C-alpha atoms as a PDB file:
ATOM      1  CA  UNK A   1       8.712 -14.356  -2.391  1.00  0.00           C
ATOM      2  CA  UNK A   2      11.197 -17.156  -1.232  1.00  0.00           C
ATOM      3  CA  UNK A   3      15.338 -16.829  -1.860  1.00  0.00           C
ATOM      4  CA  UNK A   4      14.274 -18.860  -3.840  1.00  0.00           C
ATOM      5  CA  UNK A   5      11.942 -21.187  -6.189  1.00  0.00           C
ATOM      6  CA  UNK A   6      13.292 -23.910  -7.354  1.00  0.00           C
ATOM      7  CA  UNK A   7      16.980 -23.716  -9.050  1.00  0.00           C
ATOM      8  CA  UNK A   8      15.708 -20.468  -9.629  1.00  0.00           C
ATOM      9  CA  UNK A   9      17.146 -17.595  -7.054  1.00  0.00           C
ATOM     10  CA  UNK A  10      15.082 -14.124  -6.445  1.00  0.00           C
ATOM     11  CA  UNK A  11      16.203 -10.958  -8.054  1.00  0.00           C
ATOM     12  CA  UNK A  12      14.437  -8.052  -6.486  1.00  0.00           C
ATOM     13  CA  UNK A  13      15.255  -4.429  -6.835  1.00  0.00           C
ATOM     14  CA  UNK A  14      13.984  -0.485  -6.502  1.00  0.00           C
ATOM     15  CA  UNK A  15      15.582   1.782  -9.848  1.00  0.00           C
ATOM     16  CA  UNK A  16      14.605   5.359  -8.871  1.00  0.00           C
ATOM     17  CA  UNK A  17      15.265   7.981 -11.636  1.00  0.00           C
ATOM     18  CA  UNK A  18      15.375  11.335 -12.018  1.00  0.00           C
ATOM     19  CA  UNK A  19      14.958  13.340 -14.865  1.00  0.00           C
ATOM     20  CA  UNK A  20      14.585  17.119 -15.283  1.00  0.00           C
ATOM     21  CA  UNK A  21      16.895  20.440 -16.373  1.00  0.00           C
ATOM     22  CA  UNK A  22      18.892  20.695 -12.940  1.00  0.00           C
ATOM     23  CA  UNK A  23      19.894  17.324 -13.157  1.00  0.00           C
ATOM     24  CA  UNK A  24      19.485  14.309 -14.670  1.00  0.00           C
ATOM     25  CA  UNK A  25      20.492  11.064 -11.869  1.00  0.00           C
ATOM     26  CA  UNK A  26      19.661   7.788 -10.991  1.00  0.00           C
ATOM     27  CA  UNK A  27      19.875   4.979  -8.010  1.00  0.00           C
ATOM     28  CA  UNK A  28      19.650   1.393  -7.300  1.00  0.00           C
ATOM     29  CA  UNK A  29      19.585  -0.985  -4.765  1.00  0.00           C
ATOM     30  CA  UNK A  30      19.937  -4.858  -6.202  1.00  0.00           C
ATOM     31  CA  UNK A  31      19.007  -8.341  -4.105  1.00  0.00           C
ATOM     32  CA  UNK A  32      19.818 -11.736  -6.548  1.00  0.00           C
ATOM     33  CA  UNK A  33      19.445 -14.763  -4.302  1.00  0.00           C
ATOM     34  CA  UNK A  34      20.911 -13.613  -1.218  1.00  0.00           C
ATOM     35  CA  UNK A  35      24.147 -10.985  -2.840  1.00  0.00           C
ATOM     36  CA  UNK A  36      23.468  -7.457  -3.226  1.00  0.00           C
ATOM     37  CA  UNK A  37      24.631  -4.650  -5.796  1.00  0.00           C
ATOM     38  CA  UNK A  38      24.350  -1.181  -5.496  1.00  0.00           C
ATOM     39  CA  UNK A  39      24.692   1.815  -7.984  1.00  0.00           C
ATOM     40  CA  UNK A  40      24.605   5.911  -8.728  1.00  0.00           C
ATOM     41  CA  UNK A  41      24.478   7.430 -11.428  1.00  0.00           C
ATOM     42  CA  UNK A  42      24.435  11.847 -11.932  1.00  0.00           C
ATOM     43  CA  UNK A  43      24.713  13.900 -15.024  1.00  0.00           C
ATOM     44  CA  UNK A  44      24.389  18.127 -14.454  1.00  0.00           C
ATOM     45  CA  UNK A  45      23.289  20.396 -17.456  1.00  0.00           C
ATOM     46  CA  UNK A  46      26.392  21.117 -19.156  1.00  0.00           C
ATOM     47  CA  UNK A  47      28.596  18.657 -18.061  1.00  0.00           C
ATOM     48  CA  UNK A  48      29.483  15.011 -20.670  1.00  0.00           C
ATOM     49  CA  UNK A  49      30.771  13.178 -18.230  1.00  0.00           C
ATOM     50  CA  UNK A  50      28.712  10.951 -15.230  1.00  0.00           C
ATOM     51  CA  UNK A  51      29.819  11.420 -11.255  1.00  0.00           C
ATOM     52  CA  UNK A  52      28.544   7.409 -10.488  1.00  0.00           C
ATOM     53  CA  UNK A  53      29.649   3.935  -8.361  1.00  0.00           C
ATOM     54  CA  UNK A  54      28.472   0.335  -8.747  1.00  0.00           C
ATOM     55  CA  UNK A  55      28.831  -2.230  -5.709  1.00  0.00           C
ATOM     56  CA  UNK A  56      29.076  -4.982  -5.567  1.00  0.00           C
ATOM     57  CA  UNK A  57      28.775  -5.050  -2.121  1.00  0.00           C
ATOM     58  CA  UNK A  58      27.447  -1.992  -0.973  1.00  0.00           C
ATOM     59  CA  UNK A  59      28.319   0.635   1.823  1.00  0.00           C
ATOM     60  CA  UNK A  60      25.711   1.803   4.215  1.00  0.00           C
ATOM     61  CA  UNK A  61      24.685   5.026   3.857  1.00  0.00           C
ATOM     62  CA  UNK A  62      26.767   5.982  -0.036  1.00  0.00           C
ATOM     63  CA  UNK A  63      23.036   4.548  -2.012  1.00  0.00           C
ATOM     64  CA  UNK A  64      19.548   5.357   0.925  1.00  0.00           C
ATOM     65  CA  UNK A  65      15.407   4.720  -0.995  1.00  0.00           C
ATOM     66  CA  UNK A  66      12.774   4.049   0.829  1.00  0.00           C
ATOM     67  CA  UNK A  67       9.402   2.648  -0.117  1.00  0.00           C
ATOM     68  CA  UNK A  68       6.901   5.607   0.305  1.00  0.00           C
ATOM     69  CA  UNK A  69       3.955   3.892   2.745  1.00  0.00           C
ATOM     70  CA  UNK A  70       0.664   2.790   1.371  1.00  0.00           C
ATOM     71  CA  UNK A  71      -2.575   2.410   3.521  1.00  0.00           C
ATOM     72  CA  UNK A  72      -4.707  -0.932   2.458  1.00  0.00           C
ATOM     73  CA  UNK A  73      -5.983   0.648  -1.264  1.00  0.00           C
ATOM     74  CA  UNK A  74      -5.373   4.657  -0.778  1.00  0.00           C
ATOM     75  CA  UNK A  75      -2.887   6.116  -2.196  1.00  0.00           C
ATOM     76  CA  UNK A  76       0.598   6.656  -0.639  1.00  0.00           C
ATOM     77  CA  UNK A  77       1.039   9.213   1.813  1.00  0.00           C
ATOM     78  CA  UNK A  78       4.408   8.813   3.354  1.00  0.00           C
ATOM     79  CA  UNK A  79       5.893   9.739   1.166  1.00  0.00           C
ATOM     80  CA  UNK A  80       9.564   7.732  -0.270  1.00  0.00           C
ATOM     81  CA  UNK A  81      13.519   9.095  -0.043  1.00  0.00           C
ATOM     82  CA  UNK A  82      16.269   9.036  -2.216  1.00  0.00           C
ATOM     83  CA  UNK A  83      19.678   9.919  -0.381  1.00  0.00           C
ATOM     84  CA  UNK A  84      23.087   8.898  -1.675  1.00  0.00           C
ATOM     85  CA  UNK A  85      26.172  10.923  -0.184  1.00  0.00           C
ATOM     86  CA  UNK A  86      29.375   9.496  -2.185  1.00  0.00           C
ATOM     87  CA  UNK A  87      31.495  11.175  -4.034  1.00  0.00           C
ATOM     88  CA  UNK A  88      31.303  14.551  -3.237  1.00  0.00           C
ATOM     89  CA  UNK A  89      27.314  13.738  -4.390  1.00  0.00           C
ATOM     90  CA  UNK A  90      24.983  14.800  -1.503  1.00  0.00           C
ATOM     91  CA  UNK A  91      21.094  14.142  -3.010  1.00  0.00           C
ATOM     92  CA  UNK A  92      18.628  14.270  -1.136  1.00  0.00           C
ATOM     93  CA  UNK A  93      15.190  13.666  -2.425  1.00  0.00           C
ATOM     94  CA  UNK A  94      11.503  13.159  -0.905  1.00  0.00           C
ATOM     95  CA  UNK A  95       8.704  11.627  -3.688  1.00  0.00           C
ATOM     96  CA  UNK A  96       5.769  11.457  -3.396  1.00  0.00           C
ATOM     97  CA  UNK A  97       4.814   8.130  -4.274  1.00  0.00           C
ATOM     98  CA  UNK A  98       1.626   7.191  -6.791  1.00  0.00           C
ATOM     99  CA  UNK A  99      -0.255   3.869  -6.517  1.00  0.00           C
ATOM    100  CA  UNK A 100       1.625   2.979  -9.394  1.00  0.00           C
ATOM    101  CA  UNK A 101       1.280   0.876 -12.570  1.00  0.00           C
ATOM    102  CA  UNK A 102       2.119  -3.198 -11.575  1.00  0.00           C
ATOM    103  CA  UNK A 103       1.902  -6.195 -13.773  1.00  0.00           C
ATOM    104  CA  UNK A 104       2.585 -10.145 -13.369  1.00  0.00           C
ATOM    105  CA  UNK A 105       3.627 -11.681 -16.220  1.00  0.00           C
ATOM    106  CA  UNK A 106       5.044 -14.955 -16.681  1.00  0.00           C
ATOM    107  CA  UNK A 107       8.804 -15.538 -16.903  1.00  0.00           C
ATOM    108  CA  UNK A 108      10.634 -18.577 -17.668  1.00  0.00           C
ATOM    109  CA  UNK A 109       9.090 -21.418 -15.118  1.00  0.00           C
ATOM    110  CA  UNK A 110       8.130 -18.799 -12.893  1.00  0.00           C
ATOM    111  CA  UNK A 111       6.882 -16.046 -12.841  1.00  0.00           C
ATOM    112  CA  UNK A 112       7.760 -11.924 -11.619  1.00  0.00           C
ATOM    113  CA  UNK A 113       6.165  -8.857 -10.591  1.00  0.00           C
ATOM    114  CA  UNK A 114       6.505  -5.359 -10.838  1.00  0.00           C
ATOM    115  CA  UNK A 115       5.105  -2.197 -10.124  1.00  0.00           C
ATOM    116  CA  UNK A 116       5.841   0.844 -12.003  1.00  0.00           C
ATOM    117  CA  UNK A 117       5.258   4.724 -11.297  1.00  0.00           C
ATOM    118  CA  UNK A 118       6.422   7.895 -13.761  1.00  0.00           C
ATOM    119  CA  UNK A 119       5.866  11.531 -13.018  1.00  0.00           C
ATOM    120  CA  UNK A 120       6.481  10.616  -9.329  1.00  0.00           C
ATOM    121  CA  UNK A 121       7.578  14.588  -7.918  1.00  0.00           C
ATOM    122  CA  UNK A 122      11.007  14.355  -6.102  1.00  0.00           C
ATOM    123  CA  UNK A 123      12.209  17.027  -3.826  1.00  0.00           C
ATOM    124  CA  UNK A 124      14.652  18.094  -2.393  1.00  0.00           C
ATOM    125  CA  UNK A 125      18.188  19.277  -2.271  1.00  0.00           C
ATOM    126  CA  UNK A 126      22.401  18.349  -4.103  1.00  0.00           C
ATOM    127  CA  UNK A 127      25.652  19.465  -2.993  1.00  0.00           C
ATOM    128  CA  UNK A 128      28.310  18.901  -5.516  1.00  0.00           C
ATOM    129  CA  UNK A 129      31.594  19.038  -3.581  1.00  0.00           C
ATOM    130  CA  UNK A 130      31.033  20.582  -0.440  1.00  0.00           C
ATOM    131  CA  UNK A 131      28.877  23.898  -1.907  1.00  0.00           C
ATOM    132  CA  UNK A 132      25.436  25.127   0.025  1.00  0.00           C
ATOM    133  CA  UNK A 133      22.896  23.009  -1.519  1.00  0.00           C
ATOM    134  CA  UNK A 134      20.430  23.673  -4.048  1.00  0.00           C
ATOM    135  CA  UNK A 135      16.618  23.123  -4.158  1.00  0.00           C
ATOM    136  CA  UNK A 136      15.670  20.500  -6.554  1.00  0.00           C
ATOM    137  CA  UNK A 137      13.010  20.112  -8.079  1.00  0.00           C
ATOM    138  CA  UNK A 138      12.036  17.606 -10.945  1.00  0.00           C
ATOM    139  CA  UNK A 139       9.921  14.102 -12.031  1.00  0.00           C
ATOM    140  CA  UNK A 140      11.274  10.832 -11.675  1.00  0.00           C
ATOM    141  CA  UNK A 141      10.635   7.360 -12.674  1.00  0.00           C
ATOM    142  CA  UNK A 142      10.568   4.116  -9.833  1.00  0.00           C
ATOM    143  CA  UNK A 143      10.384   0.763 -10.748  1.00  0.00           C
ATOM    144  CA  UNK A 144       9.975  -2.195  -7.377  1.00  0.00           C
ATOM    145  CA  UNK A 145      10.651  -5.692  -8.983  1.00  0.00           C
ATOM    146  CA  UNK A 146      10.610  -8.741  -7.103  1.00  0.00           C
ATOM    147  CA  UNK A 147      10.264 -12.869  -8.869  1.00  0.00           C
ATOM    148  CA  UNK A 148      12.592 -15.472 -10.153  1.00  0.00           C
ATOM    149  CA  UNK A 149      13.146 -14.308 -13.363  1.00  0.00           C
ATOM    150  CA  UNK A 150      14.399 -17.080 -16.412  1.00  0.00           C
ATOM    151  CA  UNK A 151      18.650 -18.007 -16.662  1.00  0.00           C
ATOM    152  CA  UNK A 152      18.757 -16.478 -19.232  1.00  0.00           C
ATOM    153  CA  UNK A 153      17.243 -12.778 -19.632  1.00  0.00           C
ATOM    154  CA  UNK A 154      17.585 -10.265 -22.259  1.00  0.00           C
ATOM    155  CA  UNK A 155      15.415  -7.038 -21.986  1.00  0.00           C
ATOM    156  CA  UNK A 156      14.994  -3.549 -23.413  1.00  0.00           C
ATOM    157  CA  UNK A 157      13.644  -1.058 -22.473  1.00  0.00           C
ATOM    158  CA  UNK A 158      12.986   3.678 -21.462  1.00  0.00           C
ATOM    159  CA  UNK A 159      10.949   5.432 -19.167  1.00  0.00           C
ATOM    160  CA  UNK A 160      10.630   8.917 -18.687  1.00  0.00           C
ATOM    161  CA  UNK A 161       8.922  12.232 -18.010  1.00  0.00           C
ATOM    162  CA  UNK A 162       7.178  15.889 -20.935  1.00  0.00           C
ATOM    163  CA  UNK A 163       5.149  17.360 -21.867  1.00  0.00           C
ATOM    164  CA  UNK A 164       2.703  17.831 -24.537  1.00  0.00           C
ATOM    165  CA  UNK A 165       2.379  21.118 -27.396  1.00  0.00           C
ATOM    166  CA  UNK A 166      -0.477  21.814 -25.121  1.00  0.00           C
ATOM    167  CA  UNK A 167       1.713  21.797 -21.325  1.00  0.00           C
ATOM    168  CA  UNK A 168      -0.332  18.074 -20.463  1.00  0.00           C
ATOM    169  CA  UNK A 169       2.988  16.056 -18.588  1.00  0.00           C
ATOM    170  CA  UNK A 170       3.114  13.065 -20.076  1.00  0.00           C
ATOM    171  CA  UNK A 171       5.306   9.368 -18.946  1.00  0.00           C
ATOM    172  CA  UNK A 172       5.852   6.071 -19.813  1.00  0.00           C
ATOM    173  CA  UNK A 173       7.287   2.479 -19.513  1.00  0.00           C
ATOM    174  CA  UNK A 174       7.691   1.140 -22.299  1.00  0.00           C
ATOM    175  CA  UNK A 175       9.582  -2.482 -21.807  1.00  0.00           C
ATOM    176  CA  UNK A 176       9.420  -5.657 -24.646  1.00  0.00           C
ATOM    177  CA  UNK A 177      11.376  -8.744 -23.258  1.00  0.00           C
ATOM    178  CA  UNK A 178      10.202  -9.279 -19.988  1.00  0.00           C
ATOM    179  CA  UNK A 179       6.346  -8.083 -18.494  1.00  0.00           C
ATOM    180  CA  UNK A 180       5.423  -7.910 -22.424  1.00  0.00           C
ATOM    181  CA  UNK A 181       2.529  -9.696 -22.516  1.00  0.00           C
ATOM    182  CA  UNK A 182      -0.432  -8.473 -25.227  1.00  0.00           C
ATOM    183  CA  UNK A 183      -2.606  -7.463 -22.167  1.00  0.00           C
ATOM    184  CA  UNK A 184      -1.225  -7.288 -18.572  1.00  0.00           C
ATOM    185  CA  UNK A 185       1.838  -5.782 -19.154  1.00  0.00           C
ATOM    186  CA  UNK A 186       3.953  -2.759 -17.427  1.00  0.00           C
ATOM    187  CA  UNK A 187       3.728  -1.088 -20.664  1.00  0.00           C
ATOM    188  CA  UNK A 188       1.689   2.517 -19.728  1.00  0.00           C
ATOM    189  CA  UNK A 189       2.226   6.393 -20.797  1.00  0.00           C
ATOM    190  CA  UNK A 190       0.576   8.265 -17.942  1.00  0.00           C
ATOM    191  CA  UNK A 191      -0.751  11.401 -19.418  1.00  0.00           C
ATOM    192  CA  UNK A 192      -1.916  14.787 -16.783  1.00  0.00           C
ATOM    193  CA  UNK A 193      -0.783  11.767 -14.497  1.00  0.00           C
ATOM    194  CA  UNK A 194      -3.932   8.380 -15.318  1.00  0.00           C
ATOM    195  CA  UNK A 195      -2.299   5.702 -16.987  1.00  0.00           C
ATOM    196  CA  UNK A 196      -3.191   3.386 -19.284  1.00  0.00           C
ATOM    197  CA  UNK A 197      -0.911   0.866 -21.130  1.00  0.00           C
ATOM    198  CA  UNK A 198      -0.176   1.079 -24.313  1.00  0.00           C
ATOM    199  CA  UNK A 199      -0.172  -1.901 -27.713  1.00  0.00           C
ATOM    200  CA  UNK A 200       2.804  -3.314 -28.317  1.00  0.00           C
ATOM    201  CA  UNK A 201       6.283  -1.454 -28.998  1.00  0.00           C
ATOM    202  CA  UNK A 202      10.215  -2.330 -30.670  1.00  0.00           C
ATOM    203  CA  UNK A 203      13.889  -0.441 -29.703  1.00  0.00           C
ATOM    204  CA  UNK A 204      16.212  -0.363 -31.961  1.00  0.00           C
ATOM    205  CA  UNK A 205      19.297  -2.286 -31.416  1.00  0.00           C
ATOM    206  CA  UNK A 206      20.771   1.422 -31.029  1.00  0.00           C
ATOM    207  CA  UNK A 207      18.708   2.015 -29.104  1.00  0.00           C
ATOM    208  CA  UNK A 208      17.881   5.989 -30.638  1.00  0.00           C
ATOM    209  CA  UNK A 209      14.010   4.653 -31.584  1.00  0.00           C
ATOM    210  CA  UNK A 210      10.936   3.362 -29.573  1.00  0.00           C
ATOM    211  CA  UNK A 211       8.099   1.980 -32.413  1.00  0.00           C
ATOM    212  CA  UNK A 212       4.873   1.244 -31.311  1.00  0.00           C
ATOM    213  CA  UNK A 213       2.357  -1.251 -32.615  1.00  0.00           C
ATOM    214  CA  UNK A 214      -0.120   1.792 -33.587  1.00  0.00           C
ATOM    215  CA  UNK A 215       2.322   3.751 -35.853  1.00  0.00           C
ATOM    216  CA  UNK A 216       3.790   6.218 -33.144  1.00  0.00           C
ATOM    217  CA  UNK A 217       7.760   6.795 -33.127  1.00  0.00           C
ATOM    218  CA  UNK A 218       9.818   7.744 -30.686  1.00  0.00           C
ATOM    219  CA  UNK A 219      12.766   8.542 -30.841  1.00  0.00           C
ATOM    220  CA  UNK A 220      16.259   8.981 -28.611  1.00  0.00           C
ATOM    221  CA  UNK A 221      19.406  11.305 -28.443  1.00  0.00           C
ATOM    222  CA  UNK A 222      21.621  10.253 -25.571  1.00  0.00           C
ATOM    223  CA  UNK A 223      23.998  12.540 -23.731  1.00  0.00           C
ATOM    224  CA  UNK A 224      25.712  10.966 -21.553  1.00  0.00           C
ATOM    225  CA  UNK A 225      25.866   6.633 -20.672  1.00  0.00           C
ATOM    226  CA  UNK A 226      26.720   4.048 -17.755  1.00  0.00           C
ATOM    227  CA  UNK A 227      27.459   0.972 -18.908  1.00  0.00           C
ATOM    228  CA  UNK A 228      28.586  -1.809 -17.130  1.00  0.00           C
ATOM    229  CA  UNK A 229      29.673  -5.548 -17.590  1.00  0.00           C
ATOM    230  CA  UNK A 230      29.977  -7.592 -15.182  1.00  0.00           C
ATOM    231  CA  UNK A 231      31.857 -11.314 -14.933  1.00  0.00           C
ATOM    232  CA  UNK A 232      30.568 -13.073 -11.648  1.00  0.00           C
ATOM    233  CA  UNK A 233      31.338 -17.718 -11.897  1.00  0.00           C
ATOM    234  CA  UNK A 234      27.978 -18.061 -12.821  1.00  0.00           C
ATOM    235  CA  UNK A 235      26.660 -14.175 -12.829  1.00  0.00           C
ATOM    236  CA  UNK A 236      27.100 -12.358 -15.400  1.00  0.00           C
ATOM    237  CA  UNK A 237      25.532  -9.432 -16.894  1.00  0.00           C
ATOM    238  CA  UNK A 238      25.731  -6.351 -20.147  1.00  0.00           C
ATOM    239  CA  UNK A 239      24.367  -3.374 -19.182  1.00  0.00           C
ATOM    240  CA  UNK A 240      23.955   0.427 -21.637  1.00  0.00           C
ATOM    241  CA  UNK A 241      21.929   3.183 -20.095  1.00  0.00           C
ATOM    242  CA  UNK A 242      22.273   5.593 -21.746  1.00  0.00           C
ATOM    243  CA  UNK A 243      20.106   9.341 -20.410  1.00  0.00           C
ATOM    244  CA  UNK A 244      19.247  11.813 -22.379  1.00  0.00           C
ATOM    245  CA  UNK A 245      15.844  13.067 -24.474  1.00  0.00           C
ATOM    246  CA  UNK A 246      13.129  11.937 -26.575  1.00  0.00           C
ATOM    247  CA  UNK A 247      10.797  13.651 -29.517  1.00  0.00           C
ATOM    248  CA  UNK A 248       7.771  12.297 -31.765  1.00  0.00           C
ATOM    249  CA  UNK A 249       5.061  10.793 -30.578  1.00  0.00           C
ATOM    250  CA  UNK A 250       4.353   8.734 -27.530  1.00  0.00           C
ATOM    251  CA  UNK A 251       2.338   4.777 -27.909  1.00  0.00           C
ATOM    252  CA  UNK A 252      -1.444   5.839 -28.165  1.00  0.00           C
ATOM    253  CA  UNK A 253       0.042   8.539 -30.670  1.00  0.00           C
ATOM    254  CA  UNK A 254       0.399  11.574 -28.079  1.00  0.00           C
ATOM    255  CA  UNK A 255       2.837  13.509 -29.391  1.00  0.00           C
ATOM    256  CA  UNK A 256       5.442  15.021 -27.345  1.00  0.00           C
ATOM    257  CA  UNK A 257       7.318  19.408 -27.223  1.00  0.00           C
ATOM    258  CA  UNK A 258       9.745  17.611 -24.350  1.00  0.00           C
ATOM    259  CA  UNK A 259      11.075  14.183 -22.927  1.00  0.00           C
ATOM    260  CA  UNK A 260      14.144  13.417 -20.855  1.00  0.00           C
ATOM    261  CA  UNK A 261      14.599  10.206 -19.640  1.00  0.00           C
ATOM    262  CA  UNK A 262      16.294   6.921 -19.366  1.00  0.00           C
ATOM    263  CA  UNK A 263      16.691   3.748 -22.226  1.00  0.00           C
ATOM    264  CA  UNK A 264      18.071   0.486 -20.978  1.00  0.00           C
ATOM    265  CA  UNK A 265      19.294  -2.783 -23.147  1.00  0.00           C
ATOM    266  CA  UNK A 266      19.970  -5.542 -20.189  1.00  0.00           C
ATOM    267  CA  UNK A 267      21.177  -9.062 -20.854  1.00  0.00           C
ATOM    268  CA  UNK A 268      21.686 -11.420 -18.117  1.00  0.00           C
ATOM    269  CA  UNK A 269      22.492 -14.797 -17.261  1.00  0.00           C
ATOM    270  CA  UNK A 270      21.914 -14.883 -13.310  1.00  0.00           C
END
């Protein structure tokens, strides 16, 4: 995709969220036209405050996100990588990426492409403030997106991982406001690693609940929050993204015994 289509600049990003009992974390590299941004955030068990940083001019080596290599239609056979080295945090993870769920959806006059992965194994090490590295074994969600979004964009989104009462692994990617037509959307629930598209969802204004057209109700309890407001000449962004735990039922009536992940509300003029 070109940097411009008409008057609309290209927006693209790779976001990785990692969720487990050992930590909850995210990192992203973002491009809007020629501009770049990076951010990361990390919460450890028992800590109410996030360790985090956002840079409008990313510095080399602080955040690195490398996409896994995919050959043809085969599953990714060379893993991706996440690395954060900043503010006393050294997080190095290997991401066992999969083919993911892809969608190409209209937005304004043009289209947005996205690929979502959820329930991806993330393994590696974490060192805090120079302490010896500890082993990390968690699950991740990955969002790769590129498109010439409309001038005004607003969405609510959630992604996470968990298990059913029977111990079956589940993961999800739910959205309203972007890439959410009735069919061919990015909405998906993974059960035992197999994704399927789910009906439309609606988010409570305070992000505490996600309701599905099939009657399912997913409840969210925040533990910490990354939020930011930017006003940059012709660009603006208001962003809330709390980490936390989930209960209730996923779309499709899938009961959760446990769930961890993120909910996000983003309003942008770009």
